[in-house]
């Protein structure tokens, strides 16, 4: 399966900004995402065709963009490209970071993104797979001819569902981060914060089998590509999508859907919110609480234990 390689920004201003942005303890994934947003804005300013990738090119128009340009860009994203409010808000955050940097460096005297009205957040419920669909995903074979790649995929899928980690967290795991004897691992999440995560015995068995077949490599990464290099988040998405198609699961899903399913299924089977919060790496319990709106099993359990009527009948 061909895979597009990640392209480092070529625009000198974006490169200069990225160095400063990453120095502020930002994760590489955040830097790459913001840089990509800036490249998309640069391509919009240059009126480049939408089908042409904006990555790895120079966009001199970024240095002279106006407030009107920013407003037109946001309207284009919302009205013509169908971007969700949260995606638009992230692009505005990237623009604000970039133009704040240009002002600080004396390359501009104004900030065209300052005080731009943001679209309101939509608090949508997370998409969750039913347990039988998760089982179908975990049992599906992506069809690799090389045995260790099939074993790698199974271990990746089991780990995503068995621990609820994000794609970026998955690809950042090193061999030394895993402890199979205690079924725990160290994961670096958002803001470069490290947390300890547990996983189940099925996942431990899948990881043990994969590590036994993992090719020798100078890379410390747990999961390797067919070329022996650390996987990218894009590669994980492509592997997942290939598995979803052959699994026969009709529902739309992504690696992040397994994270939502992990949290919801734990809640339905009696886990408390604080434990789920810690496992997911959420800073606020309010973020985790959204899963109570998804889990009907949790609602029924709380209702049955709280409503007095059935107990009154038993007296």
C-alpha atoms as a PDB file:
ATOM      1  CA  UNK A   1       0.000   0.000   0.000  1.00  0.00           C
ATOM      2  CA  UNK A   2       1.685   3.264  -1.107  1.00  0.00           C
ATOM      3  CA  UNK A   3       2.033   5.894   1.562  1.00  0.00           C
ATOM      4  CA  UNK A   4       2.711   9.601   1.225  1.00  0.00           C
ATOM      5  CA  UNK A   5       5.779  10.698   3.116  1.00  0.00           C
ATOM      6  CA  UNK A   6       5.533  13.575   5.544  1.00  0.00           C
ATOM      7  CA  UNK A   7       6.899  16.740   3.935  1.00  0.00           C
ATOM      8  CA  UNK A   8       8.729  19.294   6.086  1.00  0.00           C
ATOM      9  CA  UNK A   9       7.624  22.904   5.453  1.00  0.00           C
ATOM     10  CA  UNK A  10       9.747  24.649   2.857  1.00  0.00           C
ATOM     11  CA  UNK A  11       8.544  28.184   3.527  1.00  0.00           C
ATOM     12  CA  UNK A  12      11.327  29.964   5.465  1.00  0.00           C
ATOM     13  CA  UNK A  13       8.933  31.942   7.687  1.00  0.00           C
ATOM     14  CA  UNK A  14       7.032  28.790   8.672  1.00  0.00           C
ATOM     15  CA  UNK A  15      10.308  27.006   9.403  1.00  0.00           C
ATOM     16  CA  UNK A  16      11.502  29.912  11.555  1.00  0.00           C
ATOM     17  CA  UNK A  17       8.167  30.060  13.411  1.00  0.00           C
ATOM     18  CA  UNK A  18       8.148  26.263  13.914  1.00  0.00           C
ATOM     19  CA  UNK A  19      11.520  26.367  15.672  1.00  0.00           C
ATOM     20  CA  UNK A  20      10.267  28.927  18.175  1.00  0.00           C
ATOM     21  CA  UNK A  21       6.870  27.241  18.570  1.00  0.00           C
ATOM     22  CA  UNK A  22       8.395  23.840  19.318  1.00  0.00           C
ATOM     23  CA  UNK A  23      10.799  25.392  21.806  1.00  0.00           C
ATOM     24  CA  UNK A  24       7.743  26.295  23.892  1.00  0.00           C
ATOM     25  CA  UNK A  25       7.373  22.624  24.831  1.00  0.00           C
ATOM     26  CA  UNK A  26       4.923  21.902  22.042  1.00  0.00           C
ATOM     27  CA  UNK A  27       4.693  18.346  20.785  1.00  0.00           C
ATOM     28  CA  UNK A  28       6.023  17.560  17.283  1.00  0.00           C
ATOM     29  CA  UNK A  29       2.483  16.546  16.286  1.00  0.00           C
ATOM     30  CA  UNK A  30       1.114  19.985  17.258  1.00  0.00           C
ATOM     31  CA  UNK A  31       3.897  21.775  15.395  1.00  0.00           C
ATOM     32  CA  UNK A  32       3.289  19.684  12.269  1.00  0.00           C
ATOM     33  CA  UNK A  33      -0.491  20.268  12.437  1.00  0.00           C
ATOM     34  CA  UNK A  34      -0.138  24.049  12.828  1.00  0.00           C
ATOM     35  CA  UNK A  35       2.502  24.205  10.093  1.00  0.00           C
ATOM     36  CA  UNK A  36       0.122  22.352   7.784  1.00  0.00           C
ATOM     37  CA  UNK A  37      -2.623  24.865   8.592  1.00  0.00           C
ATOM     38  CA  UNK A  38      -0.296  27.732   7.671  1.00  0.00           C
ATOM     39  CA  UNK A  39       0.573  26.035   4.380  1.00  0.00           C
ATOM     40  CA  UNK A  40      -3.128  25.635   3.572  1.00  0.00           C
ATOM     41  CA  UNK A  41      -3.614  29.371   4.213  1.00  0.00           C
ATOM     42  CA  UNK A  42      -0.595  30.155   2.032  1.00  0.00           C
ATOM     43  CA  UNK A  43      -2.028  28.081  -0.806  1.00  0.00           C
ATOM     44  CA  UNK A  44      -5.360  29.886  -0.428  1.00  0.00           C
ATOM     45  CA  UNK A  45      -3.619  33.267  -0.664  1.00  0.00           C
ATOM     46  CA  UNK A  46      -1.738  32.126  -3.773  1.00  0.00           C
ATOM     47  CA  UNK A  47      -5.000  30.847  -5.288  1.00  0.00           C
ATOM     48  CA  UNK A  48      -3.424  27.454  -5.783  1.00  0.00           C
ATOM     49  CA  UNK A  49      -5.713  24.660  -7.052  1.00  0.00           C
ATOM     50  CA  UNK A  50      -7.394  22.824  -4.183  1.00  0.00           C
ATOM     51  CA  UNK A  51      -6.271  19.438  -5.517  1.00  0.00           C
ATOM     52  CA  UNK A  52      -2.601  20.450  -5.320  1.00  0.00           C
ATOM     53  CA  UNK A  53      -0.923  19.616  -2.013  1.00  0.00           C
ATOM     54  CA  UNK A  54       0.234  22.807  -0.242  1.00  0.00           C
ATOM     55  CA  UNK A  55       2.942  20.975   1.713  1.00  0.00           C
ATOM     56  CA  UNK A  56       6.639  21.462   1.073  1.00  0.00           C
ATOM     57  CA  UNK A  57       6.230  24.698  -0.913  1.00  0.00           C
ATOM     58  CA  UNK A  58       7.038  28.356  -0.258  1.00  0.00           C
ATOM     59  CA  UNK A  59       4.184  30.797   0.267  1.00  0.00           C
ATOM     60  CA  UNK A  60       5.525  34.383   0.280  1.00  0.00           C
ATOM     61  CA  UNK A  61       1.953  35.718   0.434  1.00  0.00           C
ATOM     62  CA  UNK A  62       1.854  34.767   4.129  1.00  0.00           C
ATOM     63  CA  UNK A  63       4.056  37.734   5.026  1.00  0.00           C
ATOM     64  CA  UNK A  64       1.627  40.291   3.582  1.00  0.00           C
ATOM     65  CA  UNK A  65      -1.775  38.744   4.331  1.00  0.00           C
ATOM     66  CA  UNK A  66      -4.502  41.140   5.460  1.00  0.00           C
ATOM     67  CA  UNK A  67      -7.427  40.811   7.857  1.00  0.00           C
ATOM     68  CA  UNK A  68      -9.686  40.582   4.810  1.00  0.00           C
ATOM     69  CA  UNK A  69      -7.630  37.622   3.579  1.00  0.00           C
ATOM     70  CA  UNK A  70      -8.088  35.843   6.891  1.00  0.00           C
ATOM     71  CA  UNK A  71     -11.859  36.447   6.875  1.00  0.00           C
ATOM     72  CA  UNK A  72     -12.170  35.197   3.294  1.00  0.00           C
ATOM     73  CA  UNK A  73     -10.132  32.120   4.216  1.00  0.00           C
ATOM     74  CA  UNK A  74     -12.442  31.283   7.109  1.00  0.00           C
ATOM     75  CA  UNK A  75     -15.506  31.738   4.938  1.00  0.00           C
ATOM     76  CA  UNK A  76     -13.960  29.429   2.336  1.00  0.00           C
ATOM     77  CA  UNK A  77     -13.332  26.743   4.953  1.00  0.00           C
ATOM     78  CA  UNK A  78     -16.840  26.955   6.414  1.00  0.00           C
ATOM     79  CA  UNK A  79     -18.989  27.546   3.332  1.00  0.00           C
ATOM     80  CA  UNK A  80     -17.126  25.772   0.523  1.00  0.00           C
ATOM     81  CA  UNK A  81     -14.956  23.131   2.145  1.00  0.00           C
ATOM     82  CA  UNK A  82     -17.312  22.055   4.905  1.00  0.00           C
ATOM     83  CA  UNK A  83     -14.827  22.331   7.774  1.00  0.00           C
ATOM     84  CA  UNK A  84     -16.202  21.698  11.253  1.00  0.00           C
ATOM     85  CA  UNK A  85     -16.061  24.619  13.720  1.00  0.00           C
ATOM     86  CA  UNK A  86     -13.326  22.939  15.773  1.00  0.00           C
ATOM     87  CA  UNK A  87     -11.117  22.519  12.692  1.00  0.00           C
ATOM     88  CA  UNK A  88     -11.596  26.193  11.773  1.00  0.00           C
ATOM     89  CA  UNK A  89     -10.765  27.256  15.337  1.00  0.00           C
ATOM     90  CA  UNK A  90      -7.492  25.311  15.175  1.00  0.00           C
ATOM     91  CA  UNK A  91      -6.506  27.047  11.956  1.00  0.00           C
ATOM     92  CA  UNK A  92      -7.198  30.437  13.551  1.00  0.00           C
ATOM     93  CA  UNK A  93      -5.022  29.383  16.501  1.00  0.00           C
ATOM     94  CA  UNK A  94      -2.221  28.544  14.056  1.00  0.00           C
ATOM     95  CA  UNK A  95      -2.563  31.910  12.320  1.00  0.00           C
ATOM     96  CA  UNK A  96      -2.544  33.784  15.633  1.00  0.00           C
ATOM     97  CA  UNK A  97       0.586  31.987  16.778  1.00  0.00           C
ATOM     98  CA  UNK A  98       2.298  32.662  13.450  1.00  0.00           C
ATOM     99  CA  UNK A  99       1.468  36.378  13.204  1.00  0.00           C
ATOM    100  CA  UNK A 100       2.227  36.972  16.869  1.00  0.00           C
ATOM    101  CA  UNK A 101       5.671  35.551  16.114  1.00  0.00           C
ATOM    102  CA  UNK A 102       6.087  37.833  13.061  1.00  0.00           C
ATOM    103  CA  UNK A 103       5.187  40.895  15.152  1.00  0.00           C
ATOM    104  CA  UNK A 104       7.575  39.914  17.922  1.00  0.00           C
ATOM    105  CA  UNK A 105      10.366  39.457  15.384  1.00  0.00           C
ATOM    106  CA  UNK A 106       9.657  42.863  13.828  1.00  0.00           C
ATOM    107  CA  UNK A 107       8.604  41.370  10.503  1.00  0.00           C
ATOM    108  CA  UNK A 108       5.115  42.907  10.773  1.00  0.00           C
ATOM    109  CA  UNK A 109       3.556  45.734  12.737  1.00  0.00           C
ATOM    110  CA  UNK A 110       0.048  44.262  12.834  1.00  0.00           C
ATOM    111  CA  UNK A 111      -1.737  40.950  13.306  1.00  0.00           C
ATOM    112  CA  UNK A 112      -4.361  40.212  10.603  1.00  0.00           C
ATOM    113  CA  UNK A 113      -5.792  37.349  12.689  1.00  0.00           C
ATOM    114  CA  UNK A 114      -6.301  39.417  15.848  1.00  0.00           C
ATOM    115  CA  UNK A 115      -9.854  39.494  17.238  1.00  0.00           C
ATOM    116  CA  UNK A 116     -11.271  37.419  14.357  1.00  0.00           C
ATOM    117  CA  UNK A 117     -14.648  36.011  15.375  1.00  0.00           C
ATOM    118  CA  UNK A 118     -14.450  32.260  15.886  1.00  0.00           C
ATOM    119  CA  UNK A 119     -17.210  29.788  14.979  1.00  0.00           C
ATOM    120  CA  UNK A 120     -18.933  28.377  18.027  1.00  0.00           C
ATOM    121  CA  UNK A 121     -17.866  24.934  19.202  1.00  0.00           C
ATOM    122  CA  UNK A 122     -20.272  22.112  18.538  1.00  0.00           C
ATOM    123  CA  UNK A 123     -20.354  19.732  21.482  1.00  0.00           C
ATOM    124  CA  UNK A 124     -21.127  16.597  19.500  1.00  0.00           C
ATOM    125  CA  UNK A 125     -21.232  13.174  21.095  1.00  0.00           C
ATOM    126  CA  UNK A 126     -18.274  10.924  20.278  1.00  0.00           C
ATOM    127  CA  UNK A 127     -18.841   8.120  17.781  1.00  0.00           C
ATOM    128  CA  UNK A 128     -18.623   4.733  19.437  1.00  0.00           C
ATOM    129  CA  UNK A 129     -18.553   1.242  17.950  1.00  0.00           C
ATOM    130  CA  UNK A 130     -20.615  -1.572  19.388  1.00  0.00           C
ATOM    131  CA  UNK A 131     -18.587  -4.303  21.035  1.00  0.00           C
ATOM    132  CA  UNK A 132     -19.272  -6.910  18.285  1.00  0.00           C
ATOM    133  CA  UNK A 133     -17.979  -4.424  15.666  1.00  0.00           C
ATOM    134  CA  UNK A 134     -14.815  -3.868  17.685  1.00  0.00           C
ATOM    135  CA  UNK A 135     -14.271  -7.635  17.794  1.00  0.00           C
ATOM    136  CA  UNK A 136     -14.664  -7.804  14.000  1.00  0.00           C
ATOM    137  CA  UNK A 137     -12.055  -5.065  13.603  1.00  0.00           C
ATOM    138  CA  UNK A 138      -9.599  -6.760  15.923  1.00  0.00           C
ATOM    139  CA  UNK A 139      -9.960 -10.080  14.114  1.00  0.00           C
ATOM    140  CA  UNK A 140      -9.683  -8.644  10.579  1.00  0.00           C
ATOM    141  CA  UNK A 141      -6.599  -9.302   8.456  1.00  0.00           C
ATOM    142  CA  UNK A 142      -5.345  -6.427   6.311  1.00  0.00           C
ATOM    143  CA  UNK A 143      -3.890  -8.920   3.839  1.00  0.00           C
ATOM    144  CA  UNK A 144      -0.165  -8.312   4.166  1.00  0.00           C
ATOM    145  CA  UNK A 145       1.936 -11.080   2.607  1.00  0.00           C
ATOM    146  CA  UNK A 146       4.666 -10.558   5.206  1.00  0.00           C
ATOM    147  CA  UNK A 147       3.719 -12.364   8.450  1.00  0.00           C
ATOM    148  CA  UNK A 148       5.281  -9.843  10.860  1.00  0.00           C
ATOM    149  CA  UNK A 149       3.255  -7.003   9.341  1.00  0.00           C
ATOM    150  CA  UNK A 150       0.011  -8.889  10.015  1.00  0.00           C
ATOM    151  CA  UNK A 151       1.116  -9.517  13.594  1.00  0.00           C
ATOM    152  CA  UNK A 152       2.129  -5.840  13.949  1.00  0.00           C
ATOM    153  CA  UNK A 153      -1.305  -4.667  12.805  1.00  0.00           C
ATOM    154  CA  UNK A 154      -3.081  -6.945  15.255  1.00  0.00           C
ATOM    155  CA  UNK A 155      -0.901  -5.700  18.123  1.00  0.00           C
ATOM    156  CA  UNK A 156      -1.555  -2.071  17.121  1.00  0.00           C
ATOM    157  CA  UNK A 157      -5.316  -2.557  16.976  1.00  0.00           C
ATOM    158  CA  UNK A 158      -5.399  -4.414  20.281  1.00  0.00           C
ATOM    159  CA  UNK A 159      -3.315  -1.681  21.909  1.00  0.00           C
ATOM    160  CA  UNK A 160      -5.504   1.144  20.578  1.00  0.00           C
ATOM    161  CA  UNK A 161      -8.643  -0.482  22.000  1.00  0.00           C
ATOM    162  CA  UNK A 162      -6.949  -2.000  25.042  1.00  0.00           C
ATOM    163  CA  UNK A 163      -5.494   1.279  26.285  1.00  0.00           C
ATOM    164  CA  UNK A 164      -7.477   4.089  24.639  1.00  0.00           C
ATOM    165  CA  UNK A 165      -4.346   5.915  23.486  1.00  0.00           C
ATOM    166  CA  UNK A 166      -4.270   8.364  20.591  1.00  0.00           C
ATOM    167  CA  UNK A 167      -2.573   7.775  17.228  1.00  0.00           C
ATOM    168  CA  UNK A 168       0.216  10.230  18.051  1.00  0.00           C
ATOM    169  CA  UNK A 169       0.776   8.474  21.361  1.00  0.00           C
ATOM    170  CA  UNK A 170       0.889   5.080  19.646  1.00  0.00           C
ATOM    171  CA  UNK A 171       3.633   6.038  17.207  1.00  0.00           C
ATOM    172  CA  UNK A 172       5.693   7.712  19.945  1.00  0.00           C
ATOM    173  CA  UNK A 173       5.983   4.531  22.044  1.00  0.00           C
ATOM    174  CA  UNK A 174       9.480   3.030  22.293  1.00  0.00           C
ATOM    175  CA  UNK A 175      10.304  -0.569  23.127  1.00  0.00           C
ATOM    176  CA  UNK A 176      11.632   0.560  26.504  1.00  0.00           C
ATOM    177  CA  UNK A 177       8.250   2.133  27.370  1.00  0.00           C
ATOM    178  CA  UNK A 178       6.504  -1.247  27.469  1.00  0.00           C
ATOM    179  CA  UNK A 179       6.464  -3.557  30.503  1.00  0.00           C
ATOM    180  CA  UNK A 180       4.686  -6.784  29.557  1.00  0.00           C
ATOM    181  CA  UNK A 181       5.063  -8.298  33.015  1.00  0.00           C
ATOM    182  CA  UNK A 182       2.953  -5.559  34.633  1.00  0.00           C
ATOM    183  CA  UNK A 183       0.941  -4.799  31.497  1.00  0.00           C
ATOM    184  CA  UNK A 184       1.800  -1.103  31.708  1.00  0.00           C
ATOM    185  CA  UNK A 185       3.479   1.445  29.465  1.00  0.00           C
ATOM    186  CA  UNK A 186       4.601   5.052  29.550  1.00  0.00           C
ATOM    187  CA  UNK A 187       2.814   7.278  27.055  1.00  0.00           C
ATOM    188  CA  UNK A 188       3.633  10.859  26.085  1.00  0.00           C
ATOM    189  CA  UNK A 189       0.395  12.726  25.454  1.00  0.00           C
ATOM    190  CA  UNK A 190      -0.642  16.280  24.672  1.00  0.00           C
ATOM    191  CA  UNK A 191       1.683  18.956  25.997  1.00  0.00           C
ATOM    192  CA  UNK A 192       4.489  16.373  26.222  1.00  0.00           C
ATOM    193  CA  UNK A 193       2.941  15.072  29.454  1.00  0.00           C
ATOM    194  CA  UNK A 194       3.833  11.503  30.364  1.00  0.00           C
ATOM    195  CA  UNK A 195       1.376   9.118  32.008  1.00  0.00           C
ATOM    196  CA  UNK A 196       1.279   5.438  32.856  1.00  0.00           C
ATOM    197  CA  UNK A 197      -1.314   3.383  31.029  1.00  0.00           C
ATOM    198  CA  UNK A 198      -2.429  -0.200  31.601  1.00  0.00           C
ATOM    199  CA  UNK A 199      -3.558  -2.714  28.983  1.00  0.00           C
ATOM    200  CA  UNK A 200      -5.302  -6.076  29.096  1.00  0.00           C
ATOM    201  CA  UNK A 201      -3.908  -9.595  28.814  1.00  0.00           C
ATOM    202  CA  UNK A 202      -5.102 -10.024  25.228  1.00  0.00           C
ATOM    203  CA  UNK A 203      -3.121  -6.938  24.253  1.00  0.00           C
ATOM    204  CA  UNK A 204      -0.084  -8.180  26.187  1.00  0.00           C
ATOM    205  CA  UNK A 205      -0.214 -11.479  24.275  1.00  0.00           C
ATOM    206  CA  UNK A 206      -0.481  -9.652  20.941  1.00  0.00           C
ATOM    207  CA  UNK A 207       2.446  -7.367  21.828  1.00  0.00           C
ATOM    208  CA  UNK A 208       4.570 -10.287  23.013  1.00  0.00           C
ATOM    209  CA  UNK A 209       3.996 -12.093  19.713  1.00  0.00           C
ATOM    210  CA  UNK A 210       4.795  -8.964  17.686  1.00  0.00           C
ATOM    211  CA  UNK A 211       7.958  -8.116  19.614  1.00  0.00           C
ATOM    212  CA  UNK A 212       9.138 -11.671  19.013  1.00  0.00           C
ATOM    213  CA  UNK A 213       8.769 -11.135  15.256  1.00  0.00           C
ATOM    214  CA  UNK A 214       9.757  -7.445  15.083  1.00  0.00           C
ATOM    215  CA  UNK A 215      12.693  -6.966  12.674  1.00  0.00           C
ATOM    216  CA  UNK A 216      15.963  -5.723  14.073  1.00  0.00           C
ATOM    217  CA  UNK A 217      16.281  -2.001  13.644  1.00  0.00           C
ATOM    218  CA  UNK A 218      18.307   0.961  14.865  1.00  0.00           C
ATOM    219  CA  UNK A 219      14.952   2.591  15.638  1.00  0.00           C
ATOM    220  CA  UNK A 220      13.762   2.578  19.261  1.00  0.00           C
ATOM    221  CA  UNK A 221      10.142   2.709  18.098  1.00  0.00           C
ATOM    222  CA  UNK A 222       7.874  -0.124  19.155  1.00  0.00           C
ATOM    223  CA  UNK A 223       5.976  -0.147  15.875  1.00  0.00           C
ATOM    224  CA  UNK A 224       7.953  -0.138  12.644  1.00  0.00           C
ATOM    225  CA  UNK A 225       7.009   0.398   9.020  1.00  0.00           C
ATOM    226  CA  UNK A 226       7.833  -2.186   6.374  1.00  0.00           C
ATOM    227  CA  UNK A 227      11.045  -0.178   5.815  1.00  0.00           C
ATOM    228  CA  UNK A 228      12.060  -0.533   9.473  1.00  0.00           C
ATOM    229  CA  UNK A 229      11.290   3.075  10.415  1.00  0.00           C
ATOM    230  CA  UNK A 230       8.995   4.571  13.029  1.00  0.00           C
ATOM    231  CA  UNK A 231       5.395   4.739  11.825  1.00  0.00           C
ATOM    232  CA  UNK A 232       3.726   8.085  11.207  1.00  0.00           C
ATOM    233  CA  UNK A 233       0.213   8.967  12.367  1.00  0.00           C
ATOM    234  CA  UNK A 234      -0.869   9.002   8.727  1.00  0.00           C
ATOM    235  CA  UNK A 235       0.418   5.476   8.272  1.00  0.00           C
ATOM    236  CA  UNK A 236      -1.591   4.316  11.315  1.00  0.00           C
ATOM    237  CA  UNK A 237      -4.734   5.873   9.833  1.00  0.00           C
ATOM    238  CA  UNK A 238      -4.120   4.110   6.498  1.00  0.00           C
ATOM    239  CA  UNK A 239      -3.589   0.744   8.210  1.00  0.00           C
ATOM    240  CA  UNK A 240      -6.745   1.205  10.284  1.00  0.00           C
ATOM    241  CA  UNK A 241      -8.798   2.183   7.245  1.00  0.00           C
ATOM    242  CA  UNK A 242      -7.594  -0.843   5.319  1.00  0.00           C
ATOM    243  CA  UNK A 243      -8.546  -3.130   8.209  1.00  0.00           C
ATOM    244  CA  UNK A 244     -11.960  -1.470   8.588  1.00  0.00           C
ATOM    245  CA  UNK A 245     -12.757  -2.072   4.935  1.00  0.00           C
ATOM    246  CA  UNK A 246     -11.918  -5.772   5.015  1.00  0.00           C
ATOM    247  CA  UNK A 247     -13.624  -6.270   8.400  1.00  0.00           C
ATOM    248  CA  UNK A 248     -17.068  -5.566   6.994  1.00  0.00           C
ATOM    249  CA  UNK A 249     -17.839  -3.004   9.705  1.00  0.00           C
ATOM    250  CA  UNK A 250     -20.229  -0.578   8.032  1.00  0.00           C
ATOM    251  CA  UNK A 251     -20.002   2.230  10.584  1.00  0.00           C
ATOM    252  CA  UNK A 252     -17.604   5.070   9.902  1.00  0.00           C
ATOM    253  CA  UNK A 253     -14.626   4.740  12.193  1.00  0.00           C
ATOM    254  CA  UNK A 254     -11.074   5.913  12.765  1.00  0.00           C
ATOM    255  CA  UNK A 255      -8.339   5.071  15.277  1.00  0.00           C
ATOM    256  CA  UNK A 256      -9.860   7.739  17.530  1.00  0.00           C
ATOM    257  CA  UNK A 257     -13.174   5.866  17.422  1.00  0.00           C
ATOM    258  CA  UNK A 258     -11.433   3.026  19.263  1.00  0.00           C
ATOM    259  CA  UNK A 259     -10.413   5.533  21.955  1.00  0.00           C
ATOM    260  CA  UNK A 260     -14.042   6.616  22.360  1.00  0.00           C
ATOM    261  CA  UNK A 261     -15.180   2.990  22.331  1.00  0.00           C
ATOM    262  CA  UNK A 262     -12.565   2.103  24.963  1.00  0.00           C
ATOM    263  CA  UNK A 263     -13.883   4.768  27.351  1.00  0.00           C
ATOM    264  CA  UNK A 264     -17.563   4.051  26.717  1.00  0.00           C
ATOM    265  CA  UNK A 265     -17.229   0.287  27.070  1.00  0.00           C
ATOM    266  CA  UNK A 266     -15.269   0.657  30.321  1.00  0.00           C
ATOM    267  CA  UNK A 267     -18.005   2.896  31.671  1.00  0.00           C
ATOM    268  CA  UNK A 268     -20.713   0.441  30.626  1.00  0.00           C
ATOM    269  CA  UNK A 269     -18.914  -2.356  32.435  1.00  0.00           C
ATOM    270  CA  UNK A 270     -18.652  -0.475  35.709  1.00  0.00           C
ATOM    271  CA  UNK A 271     -15.430   1.568  35.596  1.00  0.00           C
ATOM    272  CA  UNK A 272     -15.574   4.928  37.395  1.00  0.00           C
ATOM    273  CA  UNK A 273     -15.075   8.243  35.602  1.00  0.00           C
ATOM    274  CA  UNK A 274     -11.946   9.247  37.530  1.00  0.00           C
ATOM    275  CA  UNK A 275     -10.114   6.075  36.494  1.00  0.00           C
ATOM    276  CA  UNK A 276     -11.180   6.541  32.867  1.00  0.00           C
ATOM    277  CA  UNK A 277     -10.054  10.176  33.031  1.00  0.00           C
ATOM    278  CA  UNK A 278      -6.591   9.134  34.191  1.00  0.00           C
ATOM    279  CA  UNK A 279      -6.294   6.390  31.592  1.00  0.00           C
ATOM    280  CA  UNK A 280      -7.267   8.774  28.784  1.00  0.00           C
ATOM    281  CA  UNK A 281      -5.000  11.541  30.050  1.00  0.00           C
ATOM    282  CA  UNK A 282      -7.779  14.139  30.311  1.00  0.00           C
ATOM    283  CA  UNK A 283      -6.904  17.179  32.410  1.00  0.00           C
ATOM    284  CA  UNK A 284     -10.527  17.843  33.318  1.00  0.00           C
ATOM    285  CA  UNK A 285     -13.157  15.359  34.458  1.00  0.00           C
ATOM    286  CA  UNK A 286     -15.685  17.400  32.452  1.00  0.00           C
ATOM    287  CA  UNK A 287     -14.003  16.188  29.265  1.00  0.00           C
ATOM    288  CA  UNK A 288     -14.424  12.567  30.337  1.00  0.00           C
ATOM    289  CA  UNK A 289     -17.992  13.104  31.502  1.00  0.00           C
ATOM    290  CA  UNK A 290     -19.218  13.307  27.903  1.00  0.00           C
ATOM    291  CA  UNK A 291     -19.091   9.503  27.780  1.00  0.00           C
ATOM    292  CA  UNK A 292     -21.927   9.340  30.300  1.00  0.00           C
ATOM    293  CA  UNK A 293     -24.105  10.846  27.556  1.00  0.00           C
ATOM    294  CA  UNK A 294     -23.162   8.010  25.209  1.00  0.00           C
ATOM    295  CA  UNK A 295     -23.344   5.040  27.555  1.00  0.00           C
ATOM    296  CA  UNK A 296     -26.951   3.919  28.015  1.00  0.00           C
ATOM    297  CA  UNK A 297     -25.762   1.004  30.120  1.00  0.00           C
ATOM    298  CA  UNK A 298     -24.231   3.455  32.588  1.00  0.00           C
ATOM    299  CA  UNK A 299     -27.474   5.448  32.751  1.00  0.00           C
ATOM    300  CA  UNK A 300     -29.537   2.316  33.353  1.00  0.00           C
ATOM    301  CA  UNK A 301     -27.196   1.107  36.109  1.00  0.00           C
ATOM    302  CA  UNK A 302     -27.286   4.481  37.905  1.00  0.00           C
ATOM    303  CA  UNK A 303     -31.064   4.687  37.500  1.00  0.00           C
ATOM    304  CA  UNK A 304     -31.708   1.178  38.835  1.00  0.00           C
ATOM    305  CA  UNK A 305     -29.508   1.762  41.866  1.00  0.00           C
ATOM    306  CA  UNK A 306     -30.998   5.177  42.646  1.00  0.00           C
ATOM    307  CA  UNK A 307     -34.744   4.930  41.998  1.00  0.00           C
ATOM    308  CA  UNK A 308     -36.555   3.655  45.122  1.00  0.00           C
ATOM    309  CA  UNK A 309     -39.709   2.221  43.556  1.00  0.00           C
ATOM    310  CA  UNK A 310     -38.542  -1.344  42.864  1.00  0.00           C
ATOM    311  CA  UNK A 311     -37.126  -1.618  46.375  1.00  0.00           C
ATOM    312  CA  UNK A 312     -40.436  -0.392  47.798  1.00  0.00           C
ATOM    313  CA  UNK A 313     -42.255  -3.228  46.023  1.00  0.00           C
ATOM    314  CA  UNK A 314     -39.967  -5.773  47.661  1.00  0.00           C
ATOM    315  CA  UNK A 315     -40.932  -4.720  51.198  1.00  0.00           C
END
